[in-house]
Amino acid sequence: MLYLQMVRRLPEYFEGVELSPLCLALKRKEAAVIESILDGAGVDYTFEIISTRGRTLIDIVFGSMKKGVLFLVPSDRYEFSKGLLEEARLSHLIIE
């Protein structure tokens, strides 16, 4: 039987560890792909649900808010994780 190790962690797991925001996903599908990429690479991460402005012209003009998933990784894994997302053509979601 094959067991997959989940690497998504609760924020408390990272107590005393410097975290860097990696990316922001506004769509559920994007968030699922990011989770799959980070899980597959064995990167420990956590996330927060945040309110943010939408990216469409209508959102900008009318100031509508959306929920997004902010992914955070240990700072020493940021560059590696960023590279994974760039390879997957998700660089538009990366927070620099």
C-alpha atoms as a PDB file:
ATOM      1  CA  MET A   1       0.000   0.000   0.000  1.00  0.00           C
ATOM      2  CA  LEU A   2       1.334   3.452  -0.954  1.00  0.00           C
ATOM      3  CA  TYR A   3       1.014   6.265   1.575  1.00  0.00           C
ATOM      4  CA  LEU A   4       1.373   9.866   0.458  1.00  0.00           C
ATOM      5  CA  GLN A   5       2.868  12.227   2.973  1.00  0.00           C
ATOM      6  CA  MET A   6       0.961  15.475   3.143  1.00  0.00           C
ATOM      7  CA  VAL A   7       3.241  18.480   3.428  1.00  0.00           C
ATOM      8  CA  ARG A   8       0.540  21.073   4.011  1.00  0.00           C
ATOM      9  CA  ARG A   9       0.940  22.101   7.627  1.00  0.00           C
ATOM     10  CA  LEU A  10      -0.996  24.086  10.186  1.00  0.00           C
ATOM     11  CA  PRO A  11       0.525  27.515  10.893  1.00  0.00           C
ATOM     12  CA  GLU A  12       1.512  26.369  14.405  1.00  0.00           C
ATOM     13  CA  TYR A  13       3.916  23.856  12.848  1.00  0.00           C
ATOM     14  CA  PHE A  14       6.049  26.764  11.646  1.00  0.00           C
ATOM     15  CA  GLU A  15       6.386  28.494  15.005  1.00  0.00           C
ATOM     16  CA  GLY A  16       9.810  30.146  15.078  1.00  0.00           C
ATOM     17  CA  VAL A  17      10.316  29.613  11.319  1.00  0.00           C
ATOM     18  CA  GLU A  18      10.446  32.594   8.981  1.00  0.00           C
ATOM     19  CA  LEU A  19       7.763  32.189   6.302  1.00  0.00           C
ATOM     20  CA  SER A  20       7.628  33.956   2.949  1.00  0.00           C
ATOM     21  CA  PRO A  21       4.471  34.496   0.919  1.00  0.00           C
ATOM     22  CA  LEU A  22       4.908  32.442  -2.247  1.00  0.00           C
ATOM     23  CA  CYS A  23       1.779  33.029  -4.286  1.00  0.00           C
ATOM     24  CA  LEU A  24      -1.870  34.024  -4.259  1.00  0.00           C
ATOM     25  CA  ALA A  25      -4.531  31.889  -5.933  1.00  0.00           C
ATOM     26  CA  LEU A  26      -7.962  33.417  -6.522  1.00  0.00           C
ATOM     27  CA  LYS A  27      -9.410  30.321  -8.165  1.00  0.00           C
ATOM     28  CA  ARG A  28      -9.985  26.969  -6.506  1.00  0.00           C
ATOM     29  CA  LYS A  29      -8.453  25.163  -9.491  1.00  0.00           C
ATOM     30  CA  GLU A  30      -5.248  27.239  -9.227  1.00  0.00           C
ATOM     31  CA  ALA A  31      -5.001  26.485  -5.503  1.00  0.00           C
ATOM     32  CA  ALA A  32      -5.415  22.755  -6.148  1.00  0.00           C
ATOM     33  CA  VAL A  33      -2.659  22.793  -8.782  1.00  0.00           C
ATOM     34  CA  ILE A  34      -0.306  24.690  -6.449  1.00  0.00           C
ATOM     35  CA  GLU A  35      -0.995  22.214  -3.640  1.00  0.00           C
ATOM     36  CA  SER A  36      -0.271  19.323  -5.993  1.00  0.00           C
ATOM     37  CA  ILE A  37       3.014  20.866  -7.130  1.00  0.00           C
ATOM     38  CA  LEU A  38       4.235  21.617  -3.605  1.00  0.00           C
ATOM     39  CA  ASP A  39       3.088  18.225  -2.288  1.00  0.00           C
ATOM     40  CA  GLY A  40       4.805  16.430  -5.155  1.00  0.00           C
ATOM     41  CA  ALA A  41       8.081  18.226  -4.433  1.00  0.00           C
ATOM     42  CA  GLY A  42       7.879  17.576  -0.687  1.00  0.00           C
ATOM     43  CA  VAL A  43       7.767  21.271   0.216  1.00  0.00           C
ATOM     44  CA  ASP A  44       6.269  22.066   3.619  1.00  0.00           C
ATOM     45  CA  TYR A  45       3.802  24.939   3.334  1.00  0.00           C
ATOM     46  CA  THR A  46       0.796  26.505   4.930  1.00  0.00           C
ATOM     47  CA  PHE A  47      -1.853  28.855   3.638  1.00  0.00           C
ATOM     48  CA  GLU A  48      -4.232  31.575   4.725  1.00  0.00           C
ATOM     49  CA  ILE A  49      -7.586  32.559   3.278  1.00  0.00           C
ATOM     50  CA  ILE A  50      -7.466  36.310   2.698  1.00  0.00           C
ATOM     51  CA  SER A  51      -9.671  38.986   1.198  1.00  0.00           C
ATOM     52  CA  THR A  52      -8.179  40.718  -1.814  1.00  0.00           C
ATOM     53  CA  ARG A  53      -9.240  42.835  -4.732  1.00  0.00           C
ATOM     54  CA  GLY A  54     -10.131  40.952  -7.885  1.00  0.00           C
ATOM     55  CA  ARG A  55      -7.968  41.220 -10.999  1.00  0.00           C
ATOM     56  CA  THR A  56     -10.622  41.910 -13.622  1.00  0.00           C
ATOM     57  CA  LEU A  57     -11.412  45.410 -14.858  1.00  0.00           C
ATOM     58  CA  ILE A  58     -14.876  45.229 -13.288  1.00  0.00           C
ATOM     59  CA  ASP A  59     -13.357  44.241  -9.930  1.00  0.00           C
ATOM     60  CA  ILE A  60     -10.903  47.134 -10.114  1.00  0.00           C
ATOM     61  CA  VAL A  61     -13.503  49.732 -11.144  1.00  0.00           C
ATOM     62  CA  PHE A  62     -16.129  48.665  -8.616  1.00  0.00           C
ATOM     63  CA  GLY A  63     -13.694  47.629  -5.901  1.00  0.00           C
ATOM     64  CA  SER A  64     -15.182  44.193  -5.352  1.00  0.00           C
ATOM     65  CA  MET A  65     -13.392  41.902  -2.921  1.00  0.00           C
ATOM     66  CA  LYS A  66     -12.666  38.218  -3.435  1.00  0.00           C
ATOM     67  CA  LYS A  67     -11.330  35.445  -1.245  1.00  0.00           C
ATOM     68  CA  GLY A  68      -7.917  34.130  -2.147  1.00  0.00           C
ATOM     69  CA  VAL A  69      -5.529  31.471  -0.905  1.00  0.00           C
ATOM     70  CA  LEU A  70      -2.159  32.867   0.157  1.00  0.00           C
ATOM     71  CA  PHE A  71       0.493  30.126   0.163  1.00  0.00           C
ATOM     72  CA  LEU A  72       3.437  30.536   2.533  1.00  0.00           C
ATOM     73  CA  VAL A  73       6.660  28.523   2.549  1.00  0.00           C
ATOM     74  CA  PRO A  74       9.740  28.583   4.778  1.00  0.00           C
ATOM     75  CA  SER A  75      11.954  31.413   3.531  1.00  0.00           C
ATOM     76  CA  ASP A  76      14.798  29.022   2.759  1.00  0.00           C
ATOM     77  CA  ARG A  77      12.480  27.117   0.356  1.00  0.00           C
ATOM     78  CA  TYR A  78      11.053  30.190  -1.395  1.00  0.00           C
ATOM     79  CA  GLU A  79      13.395  30.196  -4.429  1.00  0.00           C
ATOM     80  CA  PHE A  80      12.975  26.456  -4.949  1.00  0.00           C
ATOM     81  CA  SER A  81       9.179  26.720  -4.679  1.00  0.00           C
ATOM     82  CA  LYS A  82       9.122  29.754  -6.967  1.00  0.00           C
ATOM     83  CA  GLY A  83      11.041  27.747  -9.572  1.00  0.00           C
ATOM     84  CA  LEU A  84       8.472  24.958  -9.383  1.00  0.00           C
ATOM     85  CA  LEU A  85       5.642  27.391 -10.071  1.00  0.00           C
ATOM     86  CA  GLU A  86       7.556  29.031 -12.911  1.00  0.00           C
ATOM     87  CA  GLU A  87       8.101  25.615 -14.528  1.00  0.00           C
ATOM     88  CA  ALA A  88       4.350  25.006 -14.251  1.00  0.00           C
ATOM     89  CA  ARG A  89       3.676  28.372 -15.954  1.00  0.00           C
ATOM     90  CA  LEU A  90       2.120  29.851 -12.818  1.00  0.00           C
ATOM     91  CA  SER A  91       4.541  32.749 -12.475  1.00  0.00           C
ATOM     92  CA  HIS A  92       1.647  35.230 -12.686  1.00  0.00           C
ATOM     93  CA  LEU A  93       0.560  34.028  -9.234  1.00  0.00           C
ATOM     94  CA  ILE A  94       3.956  34.442  -7.553  1.00  0.00           C
ATOM     95  CA  ILE A  95       4.452  37.155  -4.945  1.00  0.00           C
ATOM     96  CA  GLU A  96       7.885  38.750  -5.158  1.00  0.00           C
END
